[in-house]
Amino acid sequence: MNKIVETEAETTEEAIEAALAELGVGRDRVEVEIVEEPNKGLLGLRKAKAKVRVTVLDVDEAARTTVEELLEHLGVEAAVSTYREDEELWVTLQGEALSWLIGHHGQTLDAIQTLVQSIIGGRIKSAARVIVDVEGYRARRKKEVKAVAERTIGKVLAGREALSMRPMNAYERKLVHLVAGEYDGITSISTGIDPERFVIITPAEGKP
């Protein structure tokens, strides 16, 4: 359950700061509702204080709720759950006949994920990267992309020649760059224009 407090102060900003101090969180973790603006009252004789309602947002719950609401609008029934992996928040969908939510090479799923990330990021600036997965598609692709990246890196290190990988979405290209960053003697760059943007693995100059 989200934690909520209401505070009053001479100004709206002071009321918000008081609420943050009471909650022990930063501004980027909360949603602020201005209940009442400060008012000097009639002829300035009576002054009403500013009043705010500050809610600490649970990223996991917000992501799950956002996806559930989206599915409801689409008329889709699915079980939605969340888990953390590294610095990512995974929202997984399980159900019957959900493959159309993935789309060609995951393009529909990419669009859904971008929408969810935008909604969550707009409410919680420090939110973790949200990964939306349908029937384990992303989890499988993550393992496949890492395996392909490692094989490609092995070939580059052995042959000392640059190799290009097939076009990938932004998330998969990031995975390749992360894997490449674990190896000495190679560099990786992304080039091209989406949806045909791809990664090139090349020997690093001056390294054996």
C-alpha atoms as a PDB file:
ATOM      1  CA  MET A   1       0.000   0.000   0.000  1.00  0.00           C
ATOM      2  CA  ASN A   2       1.259   3.478  -0.845  1.00  0.00           C
ATOM      3  CA  LYS A   3       2.107   5.678   2.141  1.00  0.00           C
ATOM      4  CA  ILE A   4       0.287   9.032   2.243  1.00  0.00           C
ATOM      5  CA  VAL A   5       0.692  12.103   4.456  1.00  0.00           C
ATOM      6  CA  GLU A   6      -0.968  15.510   4.506  1.00  0.00           C
ATOM      7  CA  THR A   7       0.879  18.582   5.738  1.00  0.00           C
ATOM      8  CA  GLU A   8       0.228  22.305   6.123  1.00  0.00           C
ATOM      9  CA  ALA A   9       2.646  25.249   5.961  1.00  0.00           C
ATOM     10  CA  GLU A  10       2.830  28.935   5.072  1.00  0.00           C
ATOM     11  CA  THR A  11       3.740  28.072   1.458  1.00  0.00           C
ATOM     12  CA  THR A  12       3.106  25.109  -0.800  1.00  0.00           C
ATOM     13  CA  GLU A  13       6.828  24.359  -1.116  1.00  0.00           C
ATOM     14  CA  GLU A  14       7.277  24.375   2.660  1.00  0.00           C
ATOM     15  CA  ALA A  15       4.342  21.983   3.027  1.00  0.00           C
ATOM     16  CA  ILE A  16       5.899  19.628   0.462  1.00  0.00           C
ATOM     17  CA  GLU A  17       9.292  19.753   2.176  1.00  0.00           C
ATOM     18  CA  ALA A  18       7.648  18.963   5.517  1.00  0.00           C
ATOM     19  CA  ALA A  19       5.903  15.950   3.993  1.00  0.00           C
ATOM     20  CA  LEU A  20       9.121  14.686   2.417  1.00  0.00           C
ATOM     21  CA  ALA A  21      10.927  15.016   5.744  1.00  0.00           C
ATOM     22  CA  GLU A  22       8.175  13.065   7.498  1.00  0.00           C
ATOM     23  CA  LEU A  23       8.207  10.333   4.844  1.00  0.00           C
ATOM     24  CA  GLY A  24      11.985  10.233   4.613  1.00  0.00           C
ATOM     25  CA  VAL A  25      12.076  10.152   0.800  1.00  0.00           C
ATOM     26  CA  GLY A  26      13.131  12.420  -2.073  1.00  0.00           C
ATOM     27  CA  ARG A  27      10.885  14.462  -4.337  1.00  0.00           C
ATOM     28  CA  ASP A  28      11.428  12.019  -7.208  1.00  0.00           C
ATOM     29  CA  ARG A  29       9.770   9.189  -5.238  1.00  0.00           C
ATOM     30  CA  VAL A  30       6.431  10.869  -4.620  1.00  0.00           C
ATOM     31  CA  GLU A  31       3.295  12.227  -6.202  1.00  0.00           C
ATOM     32  CA  VAL A  32       2.140  15.607  -4.871  1.00  0.00           C
ATOM     33  CA  GLU A  33      -1.473  16.790  -4.753  1.00  0.00           C
ATOM     34  CA  ILE A  34      -2.124  20.397  -3.748  1.00  0.00           C
ATOM     35  CA  VAL A  35      -5.203  20.238  -1.547  1.00  0.00           C
ATOM     36  CA  GLU A  36      -5.346  23.949  -0.734  1.00  0.00           C
ATOM     37  CA  GLU A  37      -3.355  26.942  -1.935  1.00  0.00           C
ATOM     38  CA  PRO A  38      -2.186  29.536   0.628  1.00  0.00           C
ATOM     39  CA  ASN A  39      -4.704  32.378   0.831  1.00  0.00           C
ATOM     40  CA  LYS A  40      -4.628  35.741   2.589  1.00  0.00           C
ATOM     41  CA  GLY A  41      -8.380  35.685   2.924  1.00  0.00           C
ATOM     42  CA  LEU A  42     -10.809  38.595   2.784  1.00  0.00           C
ATOM     43  CA  LEU A  43      -8.992  41.957   2.971  1.00  0.00           C
ATOM     44  CA  GLY A  44      -5.899  40.093   4.087  1.00  0.00           C
ATOM     45  CA  LEU A  45      -7.292  39.682   7.601  1.00  0.00           C
ATOM     46  CA  ARG A  46      -7.151  35.871   7.682  1.00  0.00           C
ATOM     47  CA  LYS A  47      -4.511  33.717   6.084  1.00  0.00           C
ATOM     48  CA  ALA A  48      -5.170  30.105   5.090  1.00  0.00           C
ATOM     49  CA  LYS A  49      -2.139  27.829   5.009  1.00  0.00           C
ATOM     50  CA  ALA A  50      -1.076  25.710   2.074  1.00  0.00           C
ATOM     51  CA  LYS A  51      -2.127  22.081   2.358  1.00  0.00           C
ATOM     52  CA  VAL A  52      -0.698  19.187   0.337  1.00  0.00           C
ATOM     53  CA  ARG A  53      -1.202  15.447   0.117  1.00  0.00           C
ATOM     54  CA  VAL A  54       1.991  13.550  -0.691  1.00  0.00           C
ATOM     55  CA  THR A  55       1.971   9.899  -1.745  1.00  0.00           C
ATOM     56  CA  VAL A  56       5.021   7.635  -1.831  1.00  0.00           C
ATOM     57  CA  LEU A  57       4.780   5.640  -5.025  1.00  0.00           C
ATOM     58  CA  ASP A  58       5.632   1.954  -5.138  1.00  0.00           C
ATOM     59  CA  VAL A  59       7.300   1.393  -8.520  1.00  0.00           C
ATOM     60  CA  ASP A  60       6.466  -2.328  -8.662  1.00  0.00           C
ATOM     61  CA  GLU A  61       2.818  -1.750  -7.858  1.00  0.00           C
ATOM     62  CA  ALA A  62       2.588   1.223 -10.216  1.00  0.00           C
ATOM     63  CA  ALA A  63       4.043  -0.829 -13.085  1.00  0.00           C
ATOM     64  CA  ARG A  64       1.766  -3.783 -12.421  1.00  0.00           C
ATOM     65  CA  THR A  65      -1.314  -1.563 -12.161  1.00  0.00           C
ATOM     66  CA  THR A  66      -0.402   0.321 -15.337  1.00  0.00           C
ATOM     67  CA  VAL A  67      -0.057  -2.910 -17.308  1.00  0.00           C
ATOM     68  CA  GLU A  68      -3.287  -4.318 -15.874  1.00  0.00           C
ATOM     69  CA  GLU A  69      -5.188  -1.158 -16.858  1.00  0.00           C
ATOM     70  CA  LEU A  70      -3.702  -1.301 -20.363  1.00  0.00           C
ATOM     71  CA  LEU A  71      -4.724  -4.937 -20.745  1.00  0.00           C
ATOM     72  CA  GLU A  72      -8.232  -4.078 -19.586  1.00  0.00           C
ATOM     73  CA  HIS A  73      -8.509  -1.441 -22.321  1.00  0.00           C
ATOM     74  CA  LEU A  74      -7.301  -4.006 -24.861  1.00  0.00           C
ATOM     75  CA  GLY A  75      -9.790  -6.577 -23.616  1.00  0.00           C
ATOM     76  CA  VAL A  76      -7.001  -9.005 -22.708  1.00  0.00           C
ATOM     77  CA  GLU A  77      -7.026 -11.357 -19.725  1.00  0.00           C
ATOM     78  CA  ALA A  78      -3.618 -12.207 -18.309  1.00  0.00           C
ATOM     79  CA  ALA A  79      -1.888 -12.810 -14.983  1.00  0.00           C
ATOM     80  CA  VAL A  80       0.520  -9.955 -14.269  1.00  0.00           C
ATOM     81  CA  SER A  81       3.464 -10.303 -11.891  1.00  0.00           C
ATOM     82  CA  THR A  82       6.721  -8.447 -11.225  1.00  0.00           C
ATOM     83  CA  TYR A  83      10.267  -9.276 -10.188  1.00  0.00           C
ATOM     84  CA  ARG A  84      13.617  -7.487 -10.008  1.00  0.00           C
ATOM     85  CA  GLU A  85      16.691  -8.449 -12.001  1.00  0.00           C
ATOM     86  CA  ASP A  86      19.790  -6.301 -11.592  1.00  0.00           C
ATOM     87  CA  GLU A  87      18.522  -2.710 -11.993  1.00  0.00           C
ATOM     88  CA  GLU A  88      15.506  -3.716 -14.076  1.00  0.00           C
ATOM     89  CA  LEU A  89      11.880  -4.174 -13.063  1.00  0.00           C
ATOM     90  CA  TRP A  90      10.329  -7.011 -15.056  1.00  0.00           C
ATOM     91  CA  VAL A  91       6.555  -7.106 -15.545  1.00  0.00           C
ATOM     92  CA  THR A  92       5.539 -10.506 -16.857  1.00  0.00           C
ATOM     93  CA  LEU A  93       2.284 -11.526 -18.527  1.00  0.00           C
ATOM     94  CA  GLN A  94       0.996 -15.084 -18.622  1.00  0.00           C
ATOM     95  CA  GLY A  95      -2.217 -16.248 -20.248  1.00  0.00           C
ATOM     96  CA  GLU A  96      -3.805 -17.849 -23.285  1.00  0.00           C
ATOM     97  CA  ALA A  97      -3.295 -16.612 -26.857  1.00  0.00           C
ATOM     98  CA  LEU A  98      -1.055 -13.678 -25.933  1.00  0.00           C
ATOM     99  CA  SER A  99       1.462 -14.104 -28.745  1.00  0.00           C
ATOM    100  CA  TRP A 100      -0.098 -11.234 -30.736  1.00  0.00           C
ATOM    101  CA  LEU A 101       1.079  -8.889 -27.977  1.00  0.00           C
ATOM    102  CA  ILE A 102       4.647  -9.782 -28.968  1.00  0.00           C
ATOM    103  CA  GLY A 103       4.285  -8.998 -32.664  1.00  0.00           C
ATOM    104  CA  HIS A 104       6.865  -9.381 -35.443  1.00  0.00           C
ATOM    105  CA  HIS A 105      10.324  -9.587 -33.835  1.00  0.00           C
ATOM    106  CA  GLY A 106       8.787  -8.171 -30.648  1.00  0.00           C
ATOM    107  CA  GLN A 107       7.736  -4.850 -32.205  1.00  0.00           C
ATOM    108  CA  THR A 108       4.287  -4.791 -30.583  1.00  0.00           C
ATOM    109  CA  LEU A 109       5.825  -5.682 -27.227  1.00  0.00           C
ATOM    110  CA  ASP A 110       8.398  -2.917 -27.695  1.00  0.00           C
ATOM    111  CA  ALA A 111       5.590  -0.406 -28.211  1.00  0.00           C
ATOM    112  CA  ILE A 112       3.765  -1.618 -25.093  1.00  0.00           C
ATOM    113  CA  GLN A 113       6.958  -1.446 -23.055  1.00  0.00           C
ATOM    114  CA  THR A 114       7.743   2.088 -24.275  1.00  0.00           C
ATOM    115  CA  LEU A 115       4.244   3.229 -23.301  1.00  0.00           C
ATOM    116  CA  VAL A 116       4.445   1.660 -19.842  1.00  0.00           C
ATOM    117  CA  GLN A 117       7.944   3.058 -19.235  1.00  0.00           C
ATOM    118  CA  SER A 118       6.738   6.529 -20.272  1.00  0.00           C
ATOM    119  CA  ILE A 119       3.767   6.408 -17.889  1.00  0.00           C
ATOM    120  CA  ILE A 120       5.838   5.145 -14.960  1.00  0.00           C
ATOM    121  CA  GLY A 121       8.729   7.499 -15.677  1.00  0.00           C
ATOM    122  CA  GLY A 122       6.334  10.447 -15.790  1.00  0.00           C
ATOM    123  CA  ARG A 123       5.147   9.664 -12.269  1.00  0.00           C
ATOM    124  CA  ILE A 124       8.395   8.457 -10.707  1.00  0.00           C
ATOM    125  CA  LYS A 125      11.522  10.081 -12.132  1.00  0.00           C
ATOM    126  CA  SER A 126      13.871   7.613 -10.437  1.00  0.00           C
ATOM    127  CA  ALA A 127      11.928   4.539 -11.528  1.00  0.00           C
ATOM    128  CA  ALA A 128      13.933   1.504 -12.592  1.00  0.00           C
ATOM    129  CA  ARG A 129      13.903   0.515 -16.242  1.00  0.00           C
ATOM    130  CA  VAL A 130      10.678  -1.401 -16.825  1.00  0.00           C
ATOM    131  CA  ILE A 131      10.836  -4.535 -18.976  1.00  0.00           C
ATOM    132  CA  VAL A 132       7.487  -5.940 -20.125  1.00  0.00           C
ATOM    133  CA  ASP A 133       7.603  -9.646 -20.989  1.00  0.00           C
ATOM    134  CA  VAL A 134       4.932 -11.874 -22.512  1.00  0.00           C
ATOM    135  CA  GLU A 135       5.073 -15.631 -21.967  1.00  0.00           C
ATOM    136  CA  GLY A 136       8.835 -15.493 -21.349  1.00  0.00           C
ATOM    137  CA  TYR A 137       9.673 -14.028 -24.789  1.00  0.00           C
ATOM    138  CA  ARG A 138      12.026 -11.333 -23.478  1.00  0.00           C
ATOM    139  CA  ALA A 139      13.756 -13.668 -21.021  1.00  0.00           C
ATOM    140  CA  ARG A 140      14.484 -16.121 -23.830  1.00  0.00           C
ATOM    141  CA  ARG A 141      15.656 -13.365 -26.158  1.00  0.00           C
ATOM    142  CA  LYS A 142      17.945 -11.997 -23.439  1.00  0.00           C
ATOM    143  CA  LYS A 143      19.738 -15.345 -23.158  1.00  0.00           C
ATOM    144  CA  GLU A 144      19.891 -15.734 -26.949  1.00  0.00           C
ATOM    145  CA  VAL A 145      21.278 -12.233 -27.541  1.00  0.00           C
ATOM    146  CA  LYS A 146      23.964 -12.669 -24.891  1.00  0.00           C
ATOM    147  CA  ALA A 147      24.963 -16.026 -26.367  1.00  0.00           C
ATOM    148  CA  VAL A 148      25.181 -14.599 -29.904  1.00  0.00           C
ATOM    149  CA  ALA A 149      27.166 -11.609 -28.612  1.00  0.00           C
ATOM    150  CA  GLU A 150      29.685 -13.890 -26.901  1.00  0.00           C
ATOM    151  CA  ARG A 151      30.108 -16.024 -30.026  1.00  0.00           C
ATOM    152  CA  THR A 152      30.598 -12.928 -32.174  1.00  0.00           C
ATOM    153  CA  ILE A 153      33.132 -11.495 -29.730  1.00  0.00           C
ATOM    154  CA  GLY A 154      35.006 -14.792 -29.782  1.00  0.00           C
ATOM    155  CA  LYS A 155      35.243 -14.641 -33.584  1.00  0.00           C
ATOM    156  CA  VAL A 156      36.435 -11.026 -33.508  1.00  0.00           C
ATOM    157  CA  LEU A 157      39.131 -11.812 -30.951  1.00  0.00           C
ATOM    158  CA  ALA A 158      40.261 -14.833 -32.970  1.00  0.00           C
ATOM    159  CA  GLY A 159      40.218 -13.235 -36.412  1.00  0.00           C
ATOM    160  CA  ARG A 160      41.054  -9.619 -35.481  1.00  0.00           C
ATOM    161  CA  GLU A 161      38.385  -8.420 -37.909  1.00  0.00           C
ATOM    162  CA  ALA A 162      35.243  -6.417 -37.224  1.00  0.00           C
ATOM    163  CA  LEU A 163      31.903  -8.212 -37.439  1.00  0.00           C
ATOM    164  CA  SER A 164      28.389  -6.784 -37.733  1.00  0.00           C
ATOM    165  CA  MET A 165      25.428  -8.256 -35.891  1.00  0.00           C
ATOM    166  CA  ARG A 166      21.886  -8.358 -37.206  1.00  0.00           C
ATOM    167  CA  PRO A 167      19.535  -5.392 -36.493  1.00  0.00           C
ATOM    168  CA  MET A 168      18.224  -5.311 -32.916  1.00  0.00           C
ATOM    169  CA  ASN A 169      16.028  -3.094 -30.793  1.00  0.00           C
ATOM    170  CA  ALA A 170      17.557  -0.677 -28.283  1.00  0.00           C
ATOM    171  CA  TYR A 171      17.295  -3.076 -25.335  1.00  0.00           C
ATOM    172  CA  GLU A 172      19.008  -5.939 -27.178  1.00  0.00           C
ATOM    173  CA  ARG A 173      21.762  -3.635 -28.456  1.00  0.00           C
ATOM    174  CA  LYS A 174      22.360  -2.527 -24.878  1.00  0.00           C
ATOM    175  CA  LEU A 175      22.754  -6.171 -23.860  1.00  0.00           C
ATOM    176  CA  VAL A 176      25.397  -6.630 -26.552  1.00  0.00           C
ATOM    177  CA  HIS A 177      27.290  -3.547 -25.371  1.00  0.00           C
ATOM    178  CA  LEU A 178      27.185  -4.812 -21.776  1.00  0.00           C
ATOM    179  CA  VAL A 179      28.587  -8.190 -22.800  1.00  0.00           C
ATOM    180  CA  ALA A 180      31.259  -6.510 -24.943  1.00  0.00           C
ATOM    181  CA  GLY A 181      32.254  -4.343 -21.993  1.00  0.00           C
ATOM    182  CA  GLU A 182      33.281  -7.485 -20.111  1.00  0.00           C
ATOM    183  CA  TYR A 183      36.014  -8.301 -22.652  1.00  0.00           C
ATOM    184  CA  ASP A 184      39.404  -6.708 -23.245  1.00  0.00           C
ATOM    185  CA  GLY A 185      40.604  -6.206 -26.813  1.00  0.00           C
ATOM    186  CA  ILE A 186      37.299  -5.284 -28.467  1.00  0.00           C
ATOM    187  CA  THR A 187      34.930  -2.326 -28.754  1.00  0.00           C
ATOM    188  CA  SER A 188      31.274  -2.146 -29.781  1.00  0.00           C
ATOM    189  CA  ILE A 189      29.294   0.594 -31.488  1.00  0.00           C
ATOM    190  CA  SER A 190      25.713   0.947 -32.687  1.00  0.00           C
ATOM    191  CA  THR A 191      25.097   2.270 -36.180  1.00  0.00           C
ATOM    192  CA  GLY A 192      22.245   2.625 -38.654  1.00  0.00           C
ATOM    193  CA  ILE A 193      18.681   3.868 -38.270  1.00  0.00           C
ATOM    194  CA  ASP A 194      15.900   2.068 -36.407  1.00  0.00           C
ATOM    195  CA  PRO A 195      14.481  -0.468 -36.988  1.00  0.00           C
ATOM    196  CA  GLU A 196      17.613  -1.515 -38.909  1.00  0.00           C
ATOM    197  CA  ARG A 197      20.097  -0.227 -36.319  1.00  0.00           C
ATOM    198  CA  PHE A 198      22.759  -2.814 -35.445  1.00  0.00           C
ATOM    199  CA  VAL A 199      25.958  -3.353 -33.444  1.00  0.00           C
ATOM    200  CA  ILE A 200      29.465  -3.682 -34.843  1.00  0.00           C
ATOM    201  CA  ILE A 201      32.050  -5.548 -32.780  1.00  0.00           C
ATOM    202  CA  THR A 202      35.588  -4.504 -33.677  1.00  0.00           C
ATOM    203  CA  PRO A 203      39.118  -5.171 -32.357  1.00  0.00           C
ATOM    204  CA  ALA A 204      40.277  -2.368 -30.059  1.00  0.00           C
ATOM    205  CA  GLU A 205      43.272  -0.479 -31.432  1.00  0.00           C
ATOM    206  CA  GLY A 206      46.523  -1.039 -29.600  1.00  0.00           C
ATOM    207  CA  LYS A 207      45.258  -4.111 -27.759  1.00  0.00           C
ATOM    208  CA  PRO A 208      46.344  -7.673 -28.445  1.00  0.00           C
END
